[in-house]
Amino acid sequence: MEILVRSHSGLRWIALGLMIYAIFNALRKKDLYAKSDRMLNMFAMVSLHIQLVIGLILYFTSSKVSFVDGWMGNKLLRFYGMEHISLMILAIVLVTIGHAKAKRASEPSKKHKTIVLFYAIGLILIIASIPWPFRQLGAGWY
């Protein structure tokens, strides 16, 4: 269990880095959408999907997710049982939709704009739903 928690927590930094890099890459390019752009966007999306798989395993096995009486009144149980998973799934769905729409767009500028829009919204949702240490939800920086 500890390996999964550490993996999920540590891989977050890779996923966040790839998301930020993909967004800034799309912002600086306008006229060309190269294979390297497509691969970067795909790696960012795949890193989120890997996080989702690990997160789902943790969701169904962790003691932080418990649907006992009054779980909605408990900050920790509510966060992990509902808020974290809901916002993360929504973010991953948006990033996946953005990636698919960008692949189908005909012009390079439209591909980049689509990536910026969907990935940025996804990134905001992800950042808002990470159990940062200052939120006092029982998680650390790693």
C-alpha atoms as a PDB file:
ATOM      1  CA  MET A   1       0.000   0.000   0.000  1.00  0.00           C
ATOM      2  CA  GLU A   2       2.823   2.398   0.899  1.00  0.00           C
ATOM      3  CA  ILE A   3       4.399   1.849  -2.534  1.00  0.00           C
ATOM      4  CA  LEU A   4       1.159   2.848  -4.268  1.00  0.00           C
ATOM      5  CA  VAL A   5       0.736   5.959  -2.127  1.00  0.00           C
ATOM      6  CA  ARG A   6       4.351   7.046  -2.742  1.00  0.00           C
ATOM      7  CA  SER A   7       4.051   6.289  -6.470  1.00  0.00           C
ATOM      8  CA  HIS A   8       0.829   8.257  -6.771  1.00  0.00           C
ATOM      9  CA  SER A   9       2.280  11.163  -4.822  1.00  0.00           C
ATOM     10  CA  GLY A  10       5.635  11.184  -6.607  1.00  0.00           C
ATOM     11  CA  LEU A  11       4.240  10.759 -10.113  1.00  0.00           C
ATOM     12  CA  ARG A  12       2.081  13.820  -9.514  1.00  0.00           C
ATOM     13  CA  TRP A  13       5.169  15.981 -10.088  1.00  0.00           C
ATOM     14  CA  ILE A  14       5.841  14.357 -13.455  1.00  0.00           C
ATOM     15  CA  ALA A  15       2.204  14.759 -14.492  1.00  0.00           C
ATOM     16  CA  LEU A  16       2.118  18.402 -13.368  1.00  0.00           C
ATOM     17  CA  GLY A  17       5.412  19.125 -15.120  1.00  0.00           C
ATOM     18  CA  LEU A  18       4.227  17.574 -18.374  1.00  0.00           C
ATOM     19  CA  MET A  19       0.918  19.454 -18.198  1.00  0.00           C
ATOM     20  CA  ILE A  20       2.641  22.798 -17.601  1.00  0.00           C
ATOM     21  CA  TYR A  21       5.199  22.124 -20.331  1.00  0.00           C
ATOM     22  CA  ALA A  22       2.445  21.133 -22.807  1.00  0.00           C
ATOM     23  CA  ILE A  23       0.496  24.315 -22.068  1.00  0.00           C
ATOM     24  CA  PHE A  24       3.511  26.622 -22.440  1.00  0.00           C
ATOM     25  CA  ASN A  25       4.630  24.750 -25.546  1.00  0.00           C
ATOM     26  CA  ALA A  26       1.207  25.301 -27.122  1.00  0.00           C
ATOM     27  CA  LEU A  27       1.205  28.976 -26.110  1.00  0.00           C
ATOM     28  CA  ARG A  28       4.527  29.720 -27.797  1.00  0.00           C
ATOM     29  CA  LYS A  29       3.787  27.928 -31.065  1.00  0.00           C
ATOM     30  CA  LYS A  30       1.280  29.091 -33.624  1.00  0.00           C
ATOM     31  CA  ASP A  31       2.101  28.045 -37.190  1.00  0.00           C
ATOM     32  CA  LEU A  32       3.523  24.578 -36.744  1.00  0.00           C
ATOM     33  CA  TYR A  33       2.197  21.492 -34.996  1.00  0.00           C
ATOM     34  CA  ALA A  34       4.998  18.946 -35.143  1.00  0.00           C
ATOM     35  CA  LYS A  35       5.154  15.323 -34.093  1.00  0.00           C
ATOM     36  CA  SER A  36       7.037  16.437 -30.961  1.00  0.00           C
ATOM     37  CA  ASP A  37       4.051  18.629 -29.982  1.00  0.00           C
ATOM     38  CA  ARG A  38       1.646  15.731 -30.442  1.00  0.00           C
ATOM     39  CA  MET A  39       3.908  13.407 -28.430  1.00  0.00           C
ATOM     40  CA  LEU A  40       4.284  15.926 -25.584  1.00  0.00           C
ATOM     41  CA  ASN A  41       0.516  16.359 -25.385  1.00  0.00           C
ATOM     42  CA  MET A  42       0.016  12.597 -25.464  1.00  0.00           C
ATOM     43  CA  PHE A  43       2.615  11.972 -22.722  1.00  0.00           C
ATOM     44  CA  ALA A  44       0.930  14.591 -20.528  1.00  0.00           C
ATOM     45  CA  MET A  45      -2.429  12.886 -21.039  1.00  0.00           C
ATOM     46  CA  VAL A  46      -1.025   9.378 -20.499  1.00  0.00           C
ATOM     47  CA  SER A  47       0.683  10.463 -17.266  1.00  0.00           C
ATOM     48  CA  LEU A  48      -2.737  11.533 -15.989  1.00  0.00           C
ATOM     49  CA  HIS A  49      -4.244   8.207 -17.014  1.00  0.00           C
ATOM     50  CA  ILE A  50      -1.523   6.341 -15.118  1.00  0.00           C
ATOM     51  CA  GLN A  51      -2.256   8.533 -12.103  1.00  0.00           C
ATOM     52  CA  LEU A  52      -5.939   7.662 -12.479  1.00  0.00           C
ATOM     53  CA  VAL A  53      -5.279   3.915 -12.459  1.00  0.00           C
ATOM     54  CA  ILE A  54      -3.097   4.152  -9.348  1.00  0.00           C
ATOM     55  CA  GLY A  55      -5.617   6.512  -7.753  1.00  0.00           C
ATOM     56  CA  LEU A  56      -8.519   4.144  -8.390  1.00  0.00           C
ATOM     57  CA  ILE A  57      -6.615   1.285  -6.771  1.00  0.00           C
ATOM     58  CA  LEU A  58      -5.973   3.524  -3.764  1.00  0.00           C
ATOM     59  CA  TYR A  59      -9.598   4.693  -3.734  1.00  0.00           C
ATOM     60  CA  PHE A  60     -10.878   1.152  -3.287  1.00  0.00           C
ATOM     61  CA  THR A  61      -8.206   0.032  -0.810  1.00  0.00           C
ATOM     62  CA  SER A  62      -7.315   3.100   1.292  1.00  0.00           C
ATOM     63  CA  SER A  63      -8.530   3.732   4.812  1.00  0.00           C
ATOM     64  CA  LYS A  64      -8.857   7.415   3.843  1.00  0.00           C
ATOM     65  CA  VAL A  65     -11.948   6.482   1.829  1.00  0.00           C
ATOM     66  CA  SER A  66     -14.698   5.275   4.115  1.00  0.00           C
ATOM     67  CA  PHE A  67     -18.431   5.739   3.702  1.00  0.00           C
ATOM     68  CA  VAL A  68     -19.377   5.463   7.365  1.00  0.00           C
ATOM     69  CA  ASP A  69     -22.188   7.460   8.958  1.00  0.00           C
ATOM     70  CA  GLY A  70     -21.334  11.145   8.895  1.00  0.00           C
ATOM     71  CA  TRP A  71     -18.503  10.823   6.359  1.00  0.00           C
ATOM     72  CA  MET A  72     -19.622  13.996   4.611  1.00  0.00           C
ATOM     73  CA  GLY A  73     -19.107  15.905   7.854  1.00  0.00           C
ATOM     74  CA  ASN A  74     -15.545  14.646   8.156  1.00  0.00           C
ATOM     75  CA  LYS A  75     -13.192  16.891   6.144  1.00  0.00           C
ATOM     76  CA  LEU A  76     -10.688  14.113   5.410  1.00  0.00           C
ATOM     77  CA  LEU A  77     -13.224  11.435   4.429  1.00  0.00           C
ATOM     78  CA  ARG A  78     -15.230  13.876   2.287  1.00  0.00           C
ATOM     79  CA  PHE A  79     -12.119  15.098   0.468  1.00  0.00           C
ATOM     80  CA  TYR A  80     -10.797  11.651  -0.452  1.00  0.00           C
ATOM     81  CA  GLY A  81     -14.202   9.996  -0.842  1.00  0.00           C
ATOM     82  CA  MET A  82     -15.777  12.605  -3.087  1.00  0.00           C
ATOM     83  CA  GLU A  83     -13.919  15.843  -3.849  1.00  0.00           C
ATOM     84  CA  HIS A  84     -10.511  14.509  -4.883  1.00  0.00           C
ATOM     85  CA  ILE A  85     -11.736  11.727  -7.135  1.00  0.00           C
ATOM     86  CA  SER A  86     -14.554  13.772  -8.722  1.00  0.00           C
ATOM     87  CA  LEU A  87     -12.369  16.721  -9.676  1.00  0.00           C
ATOM     88  CA  MET A  88      -9.499  14.528 -10.843  1.00  0.00           C
ATOM     89  CA  ILE A  89     -11.744  12.439 -13.090  1.00  0.00           C
ATOM     90  CA  LEU A  90     -13.312  15.611 -14.502  1.00  0.00           C
ATOM     91  CA  ALA A  91      -9.844  17.057 -15.177  1.00  0.00           C
ATOM     92  CA  ILE A  92      -8.667  13.866 -16.899  1.00  0.00           C
ATOM     93  CA  VAL A  93     -11.815  13.734 -19.019  1.00  0.00           C
ATOM     94  CA  LEU A  94     -11.278  17.352 -20.110  1.00  0.00           C
ATOM     95  CA  VAL A  95      -7.624  16.728 -20.974  1.00  0.00           C
ATOM     96  CA  THR A  96      -8.567  13.606 -22.935  1.00  0.00           C
ATOM     97  CA  ILE A  97     -11.285  15.482 -24.839  1.00  0.00           C
ATOM     98  CA  GLY A  98      -8.857  18.326 -25.543  1.00  0.00           C
ATOM     99  CA  HIS A  99      -6.249  15.909 -26.841  1.00  0.00           C
ATOM    100  CA  ALA A 100      -8.796  14.233 -29.141  1.00  0.00           C
ATOM    101  CA  LYS A 101     -10.131  17.568 -30.427  1.00  0.00           C
ATOM    102  CA  ALA A 102      -6.601  18.839 -31.072  1.00  0.00           C
ATOM    103  CA  LYS A 103      -5.788  15.708 -33.079  1.00  0.00           C
ATOM    104  CA  ARG A 104      -8.838  16.296 -35.278  1.00  0.00           C
ATOM    105  CA  ALA A 105      -8.326  20.042 -35.777  1.00  0.00           C
ATOM    106  CA  SER A 106      -7.130  20.971 -39.243  1.00  0.00           C
ATOM    107  CA  GLU A 107      -4.986  24.038 -38.531  1.00  0.00           C
ATOM    108  CA  PRO A 108      -1.931  24.077 -36.250  1.00  0.00           C
ATOM    109  CA  SER A 109      -3.134  27.217 -34.454  1.00  0.00           C
ATOM    110  CA  LYS A 110      -6.459  25.542 -33.629  1.00  0.00           C
ATOM    111  CA  LYS A 111      -4.636  22.470 -32.322  1.00  0.00           C
ATOM    112  CA  HIS A 112      -2.538  24.609 -29.993  1.00  0.00           C
ATOM    113  CA  LYS A 113      -5.503  26.713 -28.829  1.00  0.00           C
ATOM    114  CA  THR A 114      -7.459  23.561 -28.030  1.00  0.00           C
ATOM    115  CA  ILE A 115      -4.569  22.161 -26.002  1.00  0.00           C
ATOM    116  CA  VAL A 116      -4.157  25.419 -24.082  1.00  0.00           C
ATOM    117  CA  LEU A 117      -7.866  25.650 -23.260  1.00  0.00           C
ATOM    118  CA  PHE A 118      -8.543  22.055 -22.203  1.00  0.00           C
ATOM    119  CA  TYR A 119      -5.190  21.382 -20.558  1.00  0.00           C
ATOM    120  CA  ALA A 120      -5.272  24.678 -18.611  1.00  0.00           C
ATOM    121  CA  ILE A 121      -8.764  23.985 -17.257  1.00  0.00           C
ATOM    122  CA  GLY A 122      -7.671  20.444 -16.401  1.00  0.00           C
ATOM    123  CA  LEU A 123      -4.531  21.745 -14.684  1.00  0.00           C
ATOM    124  CA  ILE A 124      -6.535  24.205 -12.581  1.00  0.00           C
ATOM    125  CA  LEU A 125      -8.865  21.410 -11.455  1.00  0.00           C
ATOM    126  CA  ILE A 126      -5.915  19.152 -10.670  1.00  0.00           C
ATOM    127  CA  ILE A 127      -4.112  21.793  -8.626  1.00  0.00           C
ATOM    128  CA  ALA A 128      -7.348  22.560  -6.743  1.00  0.00           C
ATOM    129  CA  SER A 129      -7.880  18.909  -5.832  1.00  0.00           C
ATOM    130  CA  ILE A 130      -4.383  17.850  -4.774  1.00  0.00           C
ATOM    131  CA  PRO A 131      -4.135  17.227  -1.015  1.00  0.00           C
ATOM    132  CA  TRP A 132      -1.353  19.773  -0.498  1.00  0.00           C
ATOM    133  CA  PRO A 133       0.302  19.670   2.959  1.00  0.00           C
ATOM    134  CA  PHE A 134      -1.053  23.129   3.875  1.00  0.00           C
ATOM    135  CA  ARG A 135      -4.616  21.797   3.446  1.00  0.00           C
ATOM    136  CA  GLN A 136      -4.026  19.443   6.383  1.00  0.00           C
ATOM    137  CA  LEU A 137      -5.482  16.384   4.684  1.00  0.00           C
ATOM    138  CA  GLY A 138      -2.835  13.933   5.759  1.00  0.00           C
ATOM    139  CA  ALA A 139      -0.571  14.189   2.718  1.00  0.00           C
ATOM    140  CA  GLY A 140       2.919  15.553   2.177  1.00  0.00           C
ATOM    141  CA  TRP A 141       4.876  17.071  -0.682  1.00  0.00           C
ATOM    142  CA  TYR A 142       5.961  13.616  -1.818  1.00  0.00           C
END
